[in-house]
């Protein structure tokens, strides 16, 4: 918590979500990052807040975009005010908006 790359959350779980195309009936799966947000929650567990964000996967790159809203049926649709955090295997974390490198290895 308190770290920009975790969206002020403590990683809790990653869930696979499968949706069916309305017309084709074809199934598509993607993963969702789930985190406990202790910064914006209240003082007790009952007041906890959560962060749920779709995870982008492409070859050896994984990234999560900070979004204030997203649609479970169209998770990668772009809205205003998104901020991309990119993780490369054996590399670092790069915040696309600021191009800032941090020492975080994904291994």
N, C-alpha and C. Protein backbone atom coordinates (compact mmCIF):
# COMPACT_ATOMS: atom_id res chain seq x y z
N UNK A 1 0.83 -1.19 0.00
CA UNK A 1 0.00 0.00 0.00
C UNK A 1 0.87 1.24 0.00
N UNK A 2 0.31 2.31 -0.51
CA UNK A 2 1.04 3.56 -0.59
C UNK A 2 1.97 3.62 -1.79
N UNK A 3 1.99 2.60 -2.63
CA UNK A 3 2.87 2.55 -3.80
C UNK A 3 2.04 2.78 -5.05
N UNK A 4 2.50 3.68 -5.91
CA UNK A 4 1.75 4.01 -7.13
C UNK A 4 1.56 2.80 -8.04
N UNK A 5 2.52 1.88 -8.07
CA UNK A 5 2.41 0.74 -8.99
C UNK A 5 1.41 -0.30 -8.51
N UNK A 6 0.98 -0.21 -7.27
CA UNK A 6 -0.05 -1.14 -6.78
C UNK A 6 -1.39 -0.43 -6.57
N UNK A 7 -1.47 0.82 -7.04
CA UNK A 7 -2.72 1.59 -6.95
C UNK A 7 -3.19 1.72 -5.51
N UNK A 8 -2.24 1.92 -4.60
CA UNK A 8 -2.54 2.04 -3.17
C UNK A 8 -3.29 0.82 -2.65
N UNK A 9 -2.93 -0.35 -3.17
CA UNK A 9 -3.61 -1.56 -2.73
C UNK A 9 -2.60 -2.64 -2.38
N UNK A 10 -3.07 -3.62 -1.67
CA UNK A 10 -2.27 -4.80 -1.33
C UNK A 10 -2.79 -5.93 -2.20
N UNK A 11 -1.95 -6.47 -3.11
CA UNK A 11 -2.42 -7.54 -4.00
C UNK A 11 -3.01 -8.69 -3.18
N UNK A 12 -4.18 -9.14 -3.60
CA UNK A 12 -4.89 -10.20 -2.91
C UNK A 12 -5.01 -11.45 -3.76
N UNK A 13 -5.40 -11.26 -5.03
CA UNK A 13 -5.72 -12.42 -5.85
C UNK A 13 -5.77 -12.00 -7.32
N UNK A 14 -5.62 -12.97 -8.19
CA UNK A 14 -5.84 -12.77 -9.63
C UNK A 14 -6.91 -13.78 -10.04
N UNK A 15 -7.96 -13.29 -10.70
CA UNK A 15 -9.09 -14.13 -11.09
C UNK A 15 -9.18 -14.19 -12.61
N UNK A 16 -9.43 -15.38 -13.15
CA UNK A 16 -9.68 -15.50 -14.58
C UNK A 16 -11.18 -15.32 -14.82
N UNK A 17 -11.51 -14.46 -15.77
CA UNK A 17 -12.91 -14.20 -16.12
C UNK A 17 -13.12 -14.61 -17.57
N UNK A 18 -14.16 -15.38 -17.85
CA UNK A 18 -14.47 -15.80 -19.22
C UNK A 18 -15.81 -15.22 -19.61
N UNK A 19 -15.81 -14.55 -20.75
CA UNK A 19 -17.06 -13.98 -21.26
C UNK A 19 -17.38 -14.62 -22.60
N UNK A 20 -18.65 -14.65 -22.95
CA UNK A 20 -19.11 -15.20 -24.22
C UNK A 20 -19.51 -14.07 -25.14
N UNK A 21 -19.07 -14.15 -26.40
CA UNK A 21 -19.47 -13.16 -27.39
C UNK A 21 -20.97 -13.23 -27.63
N UNK A 22 -21.62 -12.07 -27.72
CA UNK A 22 -23.07 -12.03 -27.90
C UNK A 22 -23.51 -12.71 -29.19
N UNK A 23 -22.83 -12.40 -30.28
CA UNK A 23 -23.24 -12.93 -31.58
C UNK A 23 -22.57 -14.27 -31.90
N UNK A 24 -21.28 -14.35 -31.65
CA UNK A 24 -20.54 -15.56 -32.05
C UNK A 24 -20.64 -16.69 -31.03
N UNK A 25 -20.87 -16.33 -29.77
CA UNK A 25 -20.88 -17.34 -28.73
C UNK A 25 -19.48 -17.80 -28.35
N UNK A 26 -18.47 -17.19 -28.97
CA UNK A 26 -17.07 -17.54 -28.70
C UNK A 26 -16.67 -17.03 -27.32
N UNK A 27 -15.94 -17.88 -26.59
CA UNK A 27 -15.50 -17.51 -25.25
C UNK A 27 -14.16 -16.79 -25.31
N UNK A 28 -14.03 -15.75 -24.49
CA UNK A 28 -12.78 -15.02 -24.35
C UNK A 28 -12.47 -14.92 -22.87
N UNK A 29 -11.21 -15.19 -22.52
CA UNK A 29 -10.81 -15.11 -21.12
C UNK A 29 -9.80 -13.99 -20.93
N UNK A 30 -9.83 -13.39 -19.76
CA UNK A 30 -8.81 -12.44 -19.35
C UNK A 30 -8.70 -12.53 -17.83
N UNK A 31 -7.67 -11.90 -17.29
CA UNK A 31 -7.42 -11.95 -15.85
C UNK A 31 -7.69 -10.60 -15.21
N UNK A 32 -8.12 -10.64 -13.95
CA UNK A 32 -8.43 -9.43 -13.20
C UNK A 32 -7.58 -9.39 -11.94
N UNK A 33 -6.90 -8.25 -11.72
CA UNK A 33 -6.13 -8.01 -10.50
C UNK A 33 -7.10 -7.59 -9.40
N UNK A 34 -7.01 -8.23 -8.23
CA UNK A 34 -7.82 -7.87 -7.08
C UNK A 34 -6.89 -7.43 -5.95
N UNK A 35 -7.17 -6.28 -5.37
CA UNK A 35 -6.33 -5.80 -4.28
C UNK A 35 -7.16 -5.14 -3.20
N UNK A 36 -6.70 -5.26 -1.96
CA UNK A 36 -7.33 -4.57 -0.82
C UNK A 36 -6.79 -3.16 -0.77
N UNK A 37 -7.65 -2.17 -0.71
CA UNK A 37 -7.23 -0.78 -0.66
C UNK A 37 -7.40 -0.26 0.76
N UNK A 38 -6.32 -0.30 1.53
CA UNK A 38 -6.38 0.13 2.92
C UNK A 38 -6.25 1.64 3.05
N UNK A 39 -5.74 2.31 2.02
CA UNK A 39 -5.55 3.75 2.08
C UNK A 39 -6.88 4.49 2.05
N UNK A 40 -7.80 4.05 1.18
CA UNK A 40 -9.07 4.76 1.02
C UNK A 40 -10.23 4.13 1.78
N UNK A 41 -9.97 3.04 2.46
CA UNK A 41 -11.01 2.43 3.28
C UNK A 41 -11.06 3.12 4.63
N UNK A 42 -11.99 2.72 5.44
CA UNK A 42 -12.10 3.30 6.78
C UNK A 42 -11.12 2.66 7.73
N UNK A 43 -11.37 2.81 9.00
CA UNK A 43 -10.47 2.31 10.01
C UNK A 43 -10.62 0.84 10.35
N UNK A 44 -11.67 0.19 9.85
CA UNK A 44 -11.86 -1.22 10.19
C UNK A 44 -12.00 -2.06 8.93
N UNK A 45 -11.94 -3.36 9.11
CA UNK A 45 -12.07 -4.28 7.98
C UNK A 45 -13.43 -4.12 7.30
N UNK A 46 -14.45 -3.80 8.06
CA UNK A 46 -15.79 -3.62 7.50
C UNK A 46 -15.85 -2.46 6.50
N UNK A 47 -14.91 -1.52 6.62
CA UNK A 47 -14.89 -0.34 5.74
C UNK A 47 -13.89 -0.48 4.60
N UNK A 48 -13.35 -1.66 4.41
CA UNK A 48 -12.29 -1.86 3.40
C UNK A 48 -12.79 -1.51 2.00
N UNK A 49 -11.89 -0.99 1.19
CA UNK A 49 -12.18 -0.70 -0.21
C UNK A 49 -11.36 -1.67 -1.07
N UNK A 50 -11.72 -1.80 -2.33
CA UNK A 50 -11.06 -2.77 -3.19
C UNK A 50 -10.69 -2.16 -4.54
N UNK A 51 -9.67 -2.73 -5.15
CA UNK A 51 -9.24 -2.35 -6.50
C UNK A 51 -9.37 -3.61 -7.35
N UNK A 52 -10.12 -3.53 -8.43
CA UNK A 52 -10.26 -4.61 -9.40
C UNK A 52 -9.92 -4.01 -10.75
N UNK A 53 -8.89 -4.54 -11.42
CA UNK A 53 -8.46 -4.01 -12.72
C UNK A 53 -8.11 -5.15 -13.67
N UNK A 54 -8.48 -5.02 -14.95
CA UNK A 54 -8.12 -6.06 -15.93
C UNK A 54 -6.62 -6.05 -16.19
N UNK A 55 -6.06 -7.24 -16.40
CA UNK A 55 -4.62 -7.39 -16.65
C UNK A 55 -4.40 -7.65 -18.13
N UNK A 56 -3.53 -6.85 -18.73
CA UNK A 56 -3.16 -7.03 -20.14
C UNK A 56 -1.99 -8.02 -20.21
N UNK A 57 -2.07 -8.99 -21.11
CA UNK A 57 -0.99 -9.96 -21.31
C UNK A 57 -0.61 -9.98 -22.78
N UNK A 58 0.70 -9.85 -23.05
CA UNK A 58 1.18 -9.93 -24.43
C UNK A 58 2.61 -10.47 -24.40
N UNK A 59 2.83 -11.64 -24.93
CA UNK A 59 4.12 -12.32 -24.97
C UNK A 59 4.79 -12.25 -23.61
N UNK A 60 5.90 -11.51 -23.47
CA UNK A 60 6.60 -11.46 -22.19
C UNK A 60 6.31 -10.18 -21.42
N UNK A 61 5.21 -9.52 -21.72
CA UNK A 61 4.86 -8.27 -21.05
C UNK A 61 3.49 -8.39 -20.38
N UNK A 62 3.41 -7.86 -19.18
CA UNK A 62 2.17 -7.82 -18.42
C UNK A 62 1.98 -6.38 -17.96
N UNK A 63 0.77 -5.84 -18.13
CA UNK A 63 0.56 -4.50 -17.62
C UNK A 63 -0.86 -4.30 -17.14
N UNK A 64 -0.98 -3.33 -16.24
CA UNK A 64 -2.27 -2.96 -15.66
C UNK A 64 -2.42 -1.46 -15.84
N UNK A 65 -3.60 -1.04 -16.26
CA UNK A 65 -3.88 0.38 -16.38
C UNK A 65 -4.76 0.82 -15.22
N UNK A 66 -4.38 1.94 -14.63
CA UNK A 66 -5.19 2.52 -13.57
C UNK A 66 -6.44 3.11 -14.21
N UNK A 67 -7.59 2.63 -13.79
CA UNK A 67 -8.86 3.09 -14.35
C UNK A 67 -9.83 3.40 -13.22
N UNK A 68 -10.56 4.46 -13.38
CA UNK A 68 -11.59 4.78 -12.38
C UNK A 68 -12.87 3.99 -12.67
N UNK A 69 -13.00 3.49 -13.92
CA UNK A 69 -14.14 2.64 -14.28
C UNK A 69 -13.76 1.76 -15.46
N UNK A 70 -14.40 0.59 -15.56
CA UNK A 70 -14.22 -0.29 -16.71
C UNK A 70 -15.40 -1.26 -16.76
N UNK A 71 -15.60 -1.82 -17.94
CA UNK A 71 -16.74 -2.70 -18.21
C UNK A 71 -16.25 -4.15 -18.25
N UNK A 72 -16.85 -5.01 -17.47
CA UNK A 72 -16.45 -6.41 -17.40
C UNK A 72 -16.57 -7.10 -18.77
N UNK A 73 -17.48 -6.63 -19.62
CA UNK A 73 -17.65 -7.21 -20.95
C UNK A 73 -16.76 -6.59 -22.01
N UNK A 74 -16.11 -5.48 -21.71
CA UNK A 74 -15.18 -4.82 -22.62
C UNK A 74 -14.06 -4.20 -21.78
N UNK A 75 -13.25 -5.06 -21.14
CA UNK A 75 -12.32 -4.58 -20.12
C UNK A 75 -11.19 -3.69 -20.62
N UNK A 76 -10.87 -3.76 -21.90
CA UNK A 76 -9.72 -3.00 -22.39
C UNK A 76 -10.13 -1.75 -23.17
N UNK A 77 -11.39 -1.40 -23.09
CA UNK A 77 -11.87 -0.16 -23.69
C UNK A 77 -11.17 1.01 -23.00
N UNK A 78 -10.78 2.00 -23.78
CA UNK A 78 -10.06 3.15 -23.23
C UNK A 78 -11.03 4.23 -22.78
N UNK A 79 -10.83 4.71 -21.57
CA UNK A 79 -11.56 5.85 -21.03
C UNK A 79 -10.53 6.93 -20.74
N UNK A 80 -10.98 8.11 -20.44
CA UNK A 80 -10.05 9.16 -20.04
C UNK A 80 -9.41 8.78 -18.70
N UNK A 81 -8.26 9.36 -18.45
CA UNK A 81 -7.55 9.24 -17.17
C UNK A 81 -7.06 7.82 -16.87
N UNK A 82 -6.58 7.13 -17.89
CA UNK A 82 -5.95 5.84 -17.61
C UNK A 82 -4.45 6.06 -17.51
N UNK A 83 -3.80 5.26 -16.72
CA UNK A 83 -2.36 5.34 -16.55
C UNK A 83 -1.83 3.92 -16.61
N UNK A 84 -0.88 3.67 -17.48
CA UNK A 84 -0.39 2.32 -17.73
C UNK A 84 0.85 2.02 -16.91
N UNK A 85 0.85 0.85 -16.28
CA UNK A 85 2.01 0.33 -15.56
C UNK A 85 2.43 -0.94 -16.27
N UNK A 86 3.66 -0.99 -16.74
CA UNK A 86 4.11 -2.10 -17.57
C UNK A 86 5.21 -2.89 -16.86
N UNK A 87 5.10 -4.21 -16.88
CA UNK A 87 6.09 -5.09 -16.27
C UNK A 87 6.65 -6.01 -17.34
N UNK A 88 7.96 -6.08 -17.44
CA UNK A 88 8.61 -6.95 -18.42
C UNK A 88 9.40 -8.00 -17.67
N UNK A 89 9.29 -9.26 -18.09
CA UNK A 89 10.01 -10.35 -17.43
C UNK A 89 11.50 -10.04 -17.37
N UNK A 90 12.07 -10.09 -16.18
CA UNK A 90 13.49 -9.84 -15.99
C UNK A 90 13.85 -8.36 -16.10
N UNK A 91 12.87 -7.51 -16.29
CA UNK A 91 13.13 -6.08 -16.43
C UNK A 91 12.60 -5.32 -15.24
N UNK A 92 12.13 -4.14 -15.49
CA UNK A 92 11.62 -3.32 -14.41
C UNK A 92 10.19 -2.93 -14.65
N UNK A 93 9.74 -2.01 -13.86
CA UNK A 93 8.39 -1.47 -14.00
C UNK A 93 8.52 -0.08 -14.59
N UNK A 94 7.70 0.21 -15.56
CA UNK A 94 7.75 1.53 -16.18
C UNK A 94 6.36 2.15 -16.16
N UNK A 95 6.28 3.36 -15.70
CA UNK A 95 5.02 4.08 -15.70
C UNK A 95 4.97 4.90 -16.97
N UNK A 96 4.07 4.55 -17.87
CA UNK A 96 4.06 5.12 -19.21
C UNK A 96 3.86 6.63 -19.23
N UNK A 97 3.04 7.15 -18.36
CA UNK A 97 2.75 8.57 -18.40
C UNK A 97 3.98 9.39 -18.00
N UNK A 98 4.74 8.90 -17.05
CA UNK A 98 5.90 9.63 -16.55
C UNK A 98 7.23 9.07 -17.01
N UNK A 99 7.22 7.89 -17.60
CA UNK A 99 8.45 7.22 -18.04
C UNK A 99 9.45 7.11 -16.88
N UNK A 100 8.98 6.73 -15.72
CA UNK A 100 9.82 6.59 -14.54
C UNK A 100 10.13 5.12 -14.31
N UNK A 101 11.39 4.80 -14.13
CA UNK A 101 11.80 3.43 -13.84
C UNK A 101 11.85 3.22 -12.33
N UNK A 102 11.37 2.07 -11.88
CA UNK A 102 11.51 1.71 -10.48
C UNK A 102 12.15 0.34 -10.41
N UNK A 103 12.75 0.02 -9.29
CA UNK A 103 13.43 -1.26 -9.14
C UNK A 103 12.45 -2.33 -8.69
N UNK A 104 11.77 -2.92 -9.64
CA UNK A 104 10.83 -4.00 -9.34
C UNK A 104 11.02 -5.08 -10.40
N UNK A 105 11.53 -6.23 -10.00
CA UNK A 105 11.75 -7.31 -10.96
C UNK A 105 10.59 -8.28 -10.94
N UNK A 106 10.23 -8.74 -12.10
CA UNK A 106 9.17 -9.73 -12.24
C UNK A 106 9.82 -11.05 -12.59
N UNK A 107 9.95 -11.92 -11.64
CA UNK A 107 10.60 -13.21 -11.88
C UNK A 107 9.91 -14.30 -11.11
